[in-house]
Amino acid sequence: SLKANEIEGLLTLRLAEIDQHFVEIRFDSATGVFKLDRSHALHQQGSRECTLSNRDSLDLQIFFDRSILEIFVNNGEEVFSGRVFPAQLHSNTTVTSSKSCIIKELIRYDY
């Protein structure tokens, strides 16, 4: 899970990051656009986006195993589902911000 507030700019979360392959979740506070981008994933590609009503904070519940990715955005305001097949069981998770934000919670459980 990821809980962030006072977001300014672009908040990016990369999952299943192995070398140049990853799944990217982006939130742009200027536009309110939340995007799931699988264009750098190893097998399944594509993207989906939506515009969120709250541009200041983000609450994500992410469930990700060896093939399924489920993202619940802001207590179910939006729900994203996808297939992702990481090349390895263990991978990195990276969070970056183009300007600033406060990360209130970041919890990762390995399967």
Protein backbone atom coordinates (compact mmCIF):
# COMPACT_ATOMS: atom_id res chain seq x y z
CA SER A 1 0.00 0.00 0.00
CA LEU A 2 1.03 3.59 -0.57
CA LYS A 3 -0.47 6.64 1.11
CA ALA A 4 0.80 10.07 0.08
CA ASN A 5 -0.44 13.61 0.50
CA GLU A 6 0.57 17.18 -0.30
CA ILE A 7 1.59 15.86 -3.72
CA GLU A 8 3.10 18.40 -6.09
CA GLY A 9 4.18 17.38 -9.56
CA LEU A 10 4.50 13.79 -10.70
CA LEU A 11 4.52 10.87 -8.25
CA THR A 12 5.84 7.64 -9.79
CA LEU A 13 5.84 4.09 -8.48
CA ARG A 14 7.68 1.34 -10.34
CA LEU A 15 6.82 -2.29 -9.63
CA ALA A 16 8.49 -5.52 -10.76
CA GLU A 17 11.58 -3.51 -11.67
CA ILE A 18 14.21 -5.82 -13.12
CA ASP A 19 16.81 -4.18 -15.36
CA GLN A 20 14.90 -2.19 -18.01
CA HIS A 21 11.58 -4.00 -17.40
CA PHE A 22 8.96 -2.64 -14.99
CA VAL A 23 5.35 -1.60 -14.52
CA GLU A 24 4.88 2.09 -13.82
CA ILE A 25 2.11 3.82 -11.88
CA ARG A 26 2.05 7.62 -12.26
CA PHE A 27 -0.03 10.36 -10.71
CA ASP A 28 0.19 13.93 -12.00
CA SER A 29 -1.16 16.34 -9.38
CA ALA A 30 -1.41 19.18 -11.92
CA THR A 31 -3.93 17.31 -14.10
CA GLY A 32 -5.25 14.66 -11.68
CA VAL A 33 -4.33 11.94 -14.20
CA PHE A 34 -3.55 8.53 -12.70
CA LYS A 35 -1.94 6.08 -15.14
CA LEU A 36 -0.95 2.43 -15.16
CA ASP A 37 1.73 1.95 -17.83
CA ARG A 38 2.91 -1.53 -18.85
CA SER A 39 4.85 -0.40 -21.94
CA HIS A 40 8.12 -1.47 -20.26
CA ALA A 41 6.78 -4.83 -19.04
CA LEU A 42 8.34 -8.00 -20.35
CA HIS A 43 5.26 -9.71 -21.86
CA GLN A 44 1.97 -7.82 -21.41
CA GLN A 45 1.99 -4.23 -22.63
CA GLY A 46 -0.52 -1.39 -22.72
CA SER A 47 -1.72 1.40 -20.48
CA ARG A 48 -4.84 2.75 -18.84
CA GLU A 49 -5.54 6.08 -17.20
CA CYS A 50 -8.24 8.02 -15.42
CA THR A 51 -8.69 11.45 -13.86
CA LEU A 52 -9.06 11.52 -10.08
CA SER A 53 -11.18 14.04 -8.21
CA ASN A 54 -8.59 14.58 -5.45
CA ARG A 55 -5.30 16.01 -6.73
CA ASP A 56 -3.62 16.51 -3.35
CA SER A 57 -3.46 12.97 -1.98
CA LEU A 58 -3.33 9.36 -3.11
CA ASP A 59 -4.24 6.13 -1.34
CA LEU A 60 -3.28 2.94 -3.19
CA GLN A 61 -3.91 -0.67 -2.26
CA ILE A 62 -1.89 -2.79 -4.68
CA PHE A 63 -2.10 -6.56 -4.94
CA PHE A 64 0.55 -8.09 -7.15
CA ASP A 65 1.67 -11.69 -7.45
CA ARG A 66 3.34 -13.66 -10.23
CA SER A 67 0.79 -12.71 -12.88
CA ILE A 68 -2.03 -10.50 -11.54
CA LEU A 69 -1.93 -6.79 -10.70
CA GLU A 70 -4.89 -5.17 -8.90
CA ILE A 71 -4.83 -1.49 -7.90
CA PHE A 72 -7.52 0.09 -5.74
CA VAL A 73 -7.23 3.87 -5.96
CA ASN A 74 -8.56 6.13 -3.19
CA ASN A 75 -10.72 3.52 -1.47
CA GLY A 76 -12.19 2.19 -4.72
CA GLU A 77 -12.78 5.45 -6.59
CA GLU A 78 -11.03 3.64 -9.44
CA VAL A 79 -9.90 0.01 -9.78
CA PHE A 80 -7.27 -1.17 -12.25
CA SER A 81 -6.57 -4.81 -13.14
CA GLY A 82 -3.89 -6.23 -15.36
CA ARG A 83 -1.61 -9.12 -16.14
CA VAL A 84 2.10 -8.79 -15.45
CA PHE A 85 4.69 -11.56 -15.68
CA PRO A 86 7.95 -10.56 -13.96
CA ALA A 87 11.08 -12.33 -15.17
CA GLN A 88 12.17 -13.11 -11.58
CA LEU A 89 10.46 -13.73 -8.26
CA HIS A 90 12.30 -10.88 -6.54
CA SER A 91 12.25 -7.38 -7.97
CA ASN A 92 12.62 -3.76 -6.91
CA THR A 93 9.97 -1.20 -6.05
CA THR A 94 10.90 2.46 -6.58
CA VAL A 95 9.01 5.62 -5.59
CA THR A 96 10.01 9.02 -7.02
CA SER A 97 8.56 12.51 -7.07
CA SER A 98 9.31 15.27 -9.58
CA LYS A 99 8.65 17.98 -6.97
CA SER A 100 7.47 17.03 -3.50
CA CYS A 101 5.08 14.86 -1.52
CA ILE A 102 4.73 13.34 1.91
CA ILE A 103 4.75 9.53 1.97
CA LYS A 104 2.57 8.66 4.97
CA GLU A 105 2.77 4.90 4.43
CA LEU A 106 4.58 2.48 2.16
CA ILE A 107 4.19 -1.23 2.85
CA ARG A 108 5.45 -4.02 0.64
CA TYR A 109 4.95 -7.70 1.31
CA ASP A 110 6.84 -10.19 -0.84
CA TYR A 111 4.84 -13.19 -2.02
